[in-house]
Amino acid sequence: MKIGLFIPCYINAIYPGVGVASYKLLTSLGLDVDYPLDQTCCGQPMANGGFEKDSTELAKRMEGLFEKYDYVVGPSASCVVFVKEHYPRLLNREEHACISSRIYEICEFLHDVVKVDKLNASFPHKVSLHNSCHGERLLHLSSPSELMIPRYSKLRDLLSLVKDVEVFEPKRVDECCGFGGMFSVEEPATSVCMGQDKVHDHISTGAEYITGADSSCLMHMEGIIRREKLPIKTIHVVEILSQGL
């Protein structure tokens, strides 16, 4: 299989290490990975802000860049959800005829497609698992508590393959961190209060790090952690899964 690595613009600009870790992790598993150099934003911020015309042009560009790959894989649940859920309508195509049918969040891809059962990673730290809203409810990376179904977590399954890591979850296991893209801009006071509550819930686990599949959520919580000098850090889950590779 030929994989096109999709690195969202904000990860490329702010958390390039997440992109590098994603490439290292995929290639360490013997997968054929390519990184199209001309990729830009997927269009999510424009669409969320009401400028769908601009996001449509970006969708056309991304479609062209990734059309030759069997799978498109990216380390951002929210961006992957945008492509998967909205590209068919923006491009006026059937889902099977565009990359929305072939795009996966990286943990989803490793768990469901590659079915990884062994990693040579080690991370001797305590981590608290953050379940992002898009990842949990739209990509099914974990089970939403409101559905009252047996508990599962694909991120926890992958982290169980990492040596020496201790994984915890906060009491309010799938409560939103308050980022929400444009919500954090339009309702900053509410967004910050939600973020503060979520960070303190993670701290209560005794963890050293908050980890998850969405750098946007981690970025929001990291801002609160830095401003309030709180005793916890953030790290993207792929940076843990690729430790030591």
Protein backbone atom coordinates (compact mmCIF):
# COMPACT_ATOMS: atom_id res chain seq x y z
CA MET A 1 0.00 0.00 0.00
CA LYS A 2 1.12 3.54 -0.78
CA ILE A 3 0.44 6.07 2.00
CA GLY A 4 0.27 9.84 1.64
CA LEU A 5 1.14 11.54 4.94
CA PHE A 6 -1.15 14.50 5.62
CA ILE A 7 0.32 16.98 8.11
CA PRO A 8 -2.17 19.75 8.97
CA CYS A 9 -0.93 23.32 8.64
CA TYR A 10 -0.96 24.15 12.34
CA ILE A 11 1.02 21.00 13.17
CA ASN A 12 3.54 21.89 10.46
CA ALA A 13 3.88 25.41 11.84
CA ILE A 14 3.68 24.86 15.60
CA TYR A 15 4.31 21.16 16.31
CA PRO A 16 6.58 19.92 13.48
CA GLY A 17 7.88 17.19 15.81
CA VAL A 18 4.47 15.52 15.59
CA GLY A 19 4.84 15.32 11.81
CA VAL A 20 8.33 13.86 12.09
CA ALA A 21 7.14 11.34 14.70
CA SER A 22 4.26 10.31 12.43
CA TYR A 23 6.63 9.62 9.53
CA LYS A 24 9.07 7.71 11.76
CA LEU A 25 6.30 5.62 13.27
CA LEU A 26 4.75 4.63 9.94
CA THR A 27 8.05 3.83 8.23
CA SER A 28 9.27 1.84 11.25
CA LEU A 29 6.40 -0.55 10.55
CA GLY A 30 7.66 -1.15 7.03
CA LEU A 31 5.00 0.99 5.36
CA ASP A 32 5.61 2.88 2.10
CA VAL A 33 5.10 6.51 3.10
CA ASP A 34 5.33 9.67 1.02
CA TYR A 35 4.97 13.29 2.15
CA PRO A 36 3.63 15.61 -0.58
CA LEU A 37 5.61 18.82 -0.12
CA ASP A 38 3.01 21.16 -1.63
CA GLN A 39 0.22 20.40 0.84
CA THR A 40 -1.38 23.28 2.70
CA CYS A 41 -4.47 23.72 4.90
CA CYS A 42 -7.35 21.27 4.40
CA GLY A 43 -9.82 24.16 4.61
CA GLN A 44 -11.40 23.47 7.99
CA PRO A 45 -10.80 26.95 9.55
CA MET A 46 -12.36 28.69 6.54
CA ALA A 47 -15.41 26.45 6.48
CA ASN A 48 -15.92 26.77 10.24
CA GLY A 49 -15.75 30.54 9.86
CA GLY A 50 -18.38 30.62 7.13
CA PHE A 51 -16.06 30.94 4.11
CA GLU A 52 -16.84 27.70 2.32
CA LYS A 53 -15.86 29.09 -1.08
CA ASP A 54 -12.28 29.41 0.15
CA SER A 55 -12.32 25.96 1.73
CA THR A 56 -13.58 24.45 -1.53
CA GLU A 57 -10.51 25.67 -3.38
CA LEU A 58 -8.27 24.12 -0.72
CA ALA A 59 -10.24 20.87 -0.91
CA LYS A 60 -9.64 20.73 -4.68
CA ARG A 61 -5.93 21.29 -4.11
CA MET A 62 -5.69 18.59 -1.47
CA GLU A 63 -7.69 16.17 -3.58
CA GLY A 64 -5.21 16.59 -6.43
CA LEU A 65 -2.16 16.18 -4.21
CA PHE A 66 -3.36 12.96 -2.61
CA GLU A 67 -5.30 11.28 -5.41
CA LYS A 68 -2.54 8.75 -6.23
CA TYR A 69 -2.33 7.23 -2.74
CA ASP A 70 -4.10 4.14 -1.45
CA TYR A 71 -4.44 5.72 1.99
CA VAL A 72 -4.14 9.26 3.36
CA VAL A 73 -3.05 9.33 7.01
CA GLY A 74 -2.81 12.31 9.34
CA PRO A 75 -2.13 13.00 13.06
CA SER A 76 -5.17 15.20 13.65
CA ALA A 77 -8.62 13.80 14.32
CA SER A 78 -10.43 17.11 13.68
CA CYS A 79 -8.77 17.72 10.29
CA VAL A 80 -9.35 14.12 9.21
CA VAL A 81 -13.02 14.43 10.21
CA PHE A 82 -13.37 17.60 8.13
CA VAL A 83 -12.02 15.88 5.03
CA LYS A 84 -14.04 12.73 5.63
CA GLU A 85 -17.33 14.45 6.43
CA HIS A 86 -17.29 17.53 4.21
CA TYR A 87 -15.19 16.94 1.08
CA PRO A 88 -17.88 14.97 -0.80
CA ARG A 89 -20.24 17.93 -0.51
CA LEU A 90 -17.60 20.61 -1.12
CA LEU A 91 -16.32 18.79 -4.22
CA ASN A 92 -19.79 17.65 -5.31
CA ARG A 93 -18.65 14.05 -5.57
CA GLU A 94 -19.72 10.71 -4.20
CA GLU A 95 -17.70 9.72 -1.12
CA HIS A 96 -16.01 6.78 -2.88
CA ALA A 97 -14.77 9.14 -5.61
CA CYS A 98 -12.66 11.39 -3.38
CA ILE A 99 -10.06 11.03 -0.65
CA SER A 100 -12.70 11.17 2.09
CA SER A 101 -13.12 7.40 1.64
CA ARG A 102 -9.37 6.80 2.06
CA ILE A 103 -8.35 9.15 4.85
CA TYR A 104 -7.60 7.98 8.39
CA GLU A 105 -6.41 9.49 11.63
CA ILE A 106 -3.06 7.83 12.32
CA CYS A 107 -4.11 5.91 15.45
CA GLU A 108 -7.29 4.75 13.72
CA PHE A 109 -5.15 3.59 10.78
CA LEU A 110 -2.63 1.73 12.94
CA HIS A 111 -5.35 0.09 15.05
CA ASP A 112 -7.95 -0.77 12.40
CA VAL A 113 -6.03 -1.12 9.11
CA VAL A 114 -2.45 -2.09 9.96
CA LYS A 115 -3.58 -3.86 13.15
CA VAL A 116 -0.31 -3.17 14.96
CA ASP A 117 0.42 -5.67 17.75
CA LYS A 118 4.03 -4.76 18.57
CA LEU A 119 6.05 -1.57 18.99
CA ASN A 120 9.66 -1.02 20.03
CA ALA A 121 8.84 2.17 21.91
CA SER A 122 9.52 3.00 25.55
CA PHE A 123 8.14 5.93 27.56
CA PRO A 124 8.74 5.61 31.34
CA HIS A 125 6.18 8.20 32.41
CA LYS A 126 2.61 8.55 33.66
CA VAL A 127 0.21 9.89 31.04
CA SER A 128 -3.44 10.94 31.20
CA LEU A 129 -5.42 10.11 28.07
CA HIS A 130 -7.41 12.93 26.47
CA ASN A 131 -10.36 11.85 24.33
CA SER A 132 -11.04 14.64 21.83
CA CYS A 133 -14.63 15.24 20.77
CA HIS A 134 -14.08 14.71 17.03
CA GLY A 135 -11.89 11.66 17.55
CA GLU A 136 -14.26 10.00 19.95
CA ARG A 137 -17.66 10.74 18.47
CA LEU A 138 -16.95 10.95 14.74
CA LEU A 139 -13.93 8.66 14.26
CA HIS A 140 -14.84 6.25 17.06
CA LEU A 141 -11.36 6.27 18.61
CA SER A 142 -13.03 5.59 21.95
CA SER A 143 -16.52 4.95 23.30
CA PRO A 144 -18.66 8.01 24.19
CA SER A 145 -19.95 7.69 27.75
CA GLU A 146 -23.43 8.86 26.78
CA LEU A 147 -24.00 5.78 24.60
CA MET A 148 -23.76 3.43 27.57
CA ILE A 149 -21.83 0.82 25.58
CA PRO A 150 -18.83 -1.31 26.67
CA ARG A 151 -15.79 0.90 27.19
CA TYR A 152 -13.04 0.82 24.55
CA SER A 153 -10.13 3.05 23.54
CA LYS A 154 -7.97 2.56 20.47
CA LEU A 155 -5.37 4.96 21.85
CA ARG A 156 -5.14 2.97 25.07
CA ASP A 157 -4.76 -0.23 23.04
CA LEU A 158 -1.81 1.29 21.16
CA LEU A 159 -0.24 2.74 24.29
CA SER A 160 -0.40 -0.72 25.89
CA LEU A 161 2.28 -1.73 23.36
CA VAL A 162 4.71 0.90 24.73
CA LYS A 163 7.12 -0.27 27.42
CA ASP A 164 7.12 1.36 30.86
CA VAL A 165 4.27 3.81 30.24
CA GLU A 166 1.47 4.15 32.81
CA VAL A 167 -1.86 5.24 31.34
CA PHE A 168 -4.62 6.99 33.29
CA GLU A 169 -7.87 8.72 32.37
CA PRO A 170 -9.56 11.69 34.07
CA LYS A 171 -12.80 11.30 36.03
CA ARG A 172 -14.83 13.08 33.33
CA VAL A 173 -13.35 10.86 30.68
CA ASP A 174 -14.79 12.48 27.57
CA GLU A 175 -15.63 16.02 28.66
CA CYS A 176 -14.64 18.66 26.09
CA CYS A 177 -11.47 20.68 26.77
CA GLY A 178 -13.16 23.82 25.44
CA PHE A 179 -11.08 24.44 22.32
CA GLY A 180 -13.66 23.77 19.62
CA GLY A 181 -11.90 25.71 16.86
CA MET A 182 -13.85 28.94 16.29
CA PHE A 183 -15.60 28.45 19.64
CA SER A 184 -12.38 29.36 21.47
CA VAL A 185 -12.23 32.61 19.48
CA GLU A 186 -15.89 33.55 19.73
CA GLU A 187 -16.39 32.48 23.36
CA PRO A 188 -12.91 32.79 24.92
CA ALA A 189 -14.02 33.09 28.55
CA THR A 190 -16.12 29.91 28.39
CA SER A 191 -13.41 28.14 26.41
CA VAL A 192 -10.74 28.96 29.01
CA CYS A 193 -12.95 27.87 31.92
CA MET A 194 -13.62 24.54 30.22
CA GLY A 195 -9.91 24.14 29.53
CA GLN A 196 -8.99 24.88 33.14
CA ASP A 197 -11.48 22.29 34.38
CA LYS A 198 -10.15 19.70 31.96
CA VAL A 199 -6.48 20.31 32.77
CA HIS A 200 -7.14 20.03 36.52
CA ASP A 201 -9.07 16.81 35.90
CA HIS A 202 -6.02 15.42 34.12
CA ILE A 203 -3.72 16.63 36.90
CA SER A 204 -5.85 14.77 39.45
CA THR A 205 -4.73 11.46 37.91
CA GLY A 206 -1.16 12.10 39.03
CA ALA A 207 0.06 12.03 35.43
CA GLU A 208 3.13 13.86 34.16
CA TYR A 209 1.71 14.32 30.67
CA ILE A 210 -1.63 14.78 28.92
CA THR A 211 -1.69 12.87 25.64
CA GLY A 212 -4.18 12.56 22.83
CA ALA A 213 -4.72 12.39 19.06
CA ASP A 214 -5.53 16.08 18.48
CA SER A 215 -2.79 18.70 18.68
CA SER A 216 -5.48 21.41 18.65
CA CYS A 217 -6.87 20.21 21.99
CA LEU A 218 -3.37 19.72 23.39
CA MET A 219 -2.41 23.22 22.21
CA HIS A 220 -5.40 24.74 24.01
CA MET A 221 -4.58 22.94 27.25
CA GLU A 222 -0.86 23.69 26.89
CA GLY A 223 -1.65 27.41 26.76
CA ILE A 224 -3.51 27.16 30.06
CA ILE A 225 -0.73 25.05 31.59
CA ARG A 226 1.93 27.58 30.60
CA ARG A 227 0.00 30.66 31.72
CA GLU A 228 -0.87 29.16 35.10
CA LYS A 229 2.45 27.29 35.50
CA LEU A 230 0.68 24.01 36.21
CA PRO A 231 2.61 20.79 36.99
CA ILE A 232 1.83 18.82 33.84
CA LYS A 233 2.92 18.77 30.18
CA THR A 234 1.30 17.80 26.88
CA ILE A 235 2.54 15.34 24.27
CA HIS A 236 0.89 13.98 21.14
CA VAL A 237 0.27 10.24 21.27
CA VAL A 238 2.41 9.57 18.16
CA GLU A 239 5.38 11.12 19.95
CA ILE A 240 4.97 8.43 22.62
CA LEU A 241 4.38 5.60 20.14
CA SER A 242 7.55 6.58 18.25
CA GLN A 243 9.84 7.01 21.28
CA GLY A 244 13.13 5.23 20.73
CA LEU A 245 12.55 4.48 17.04
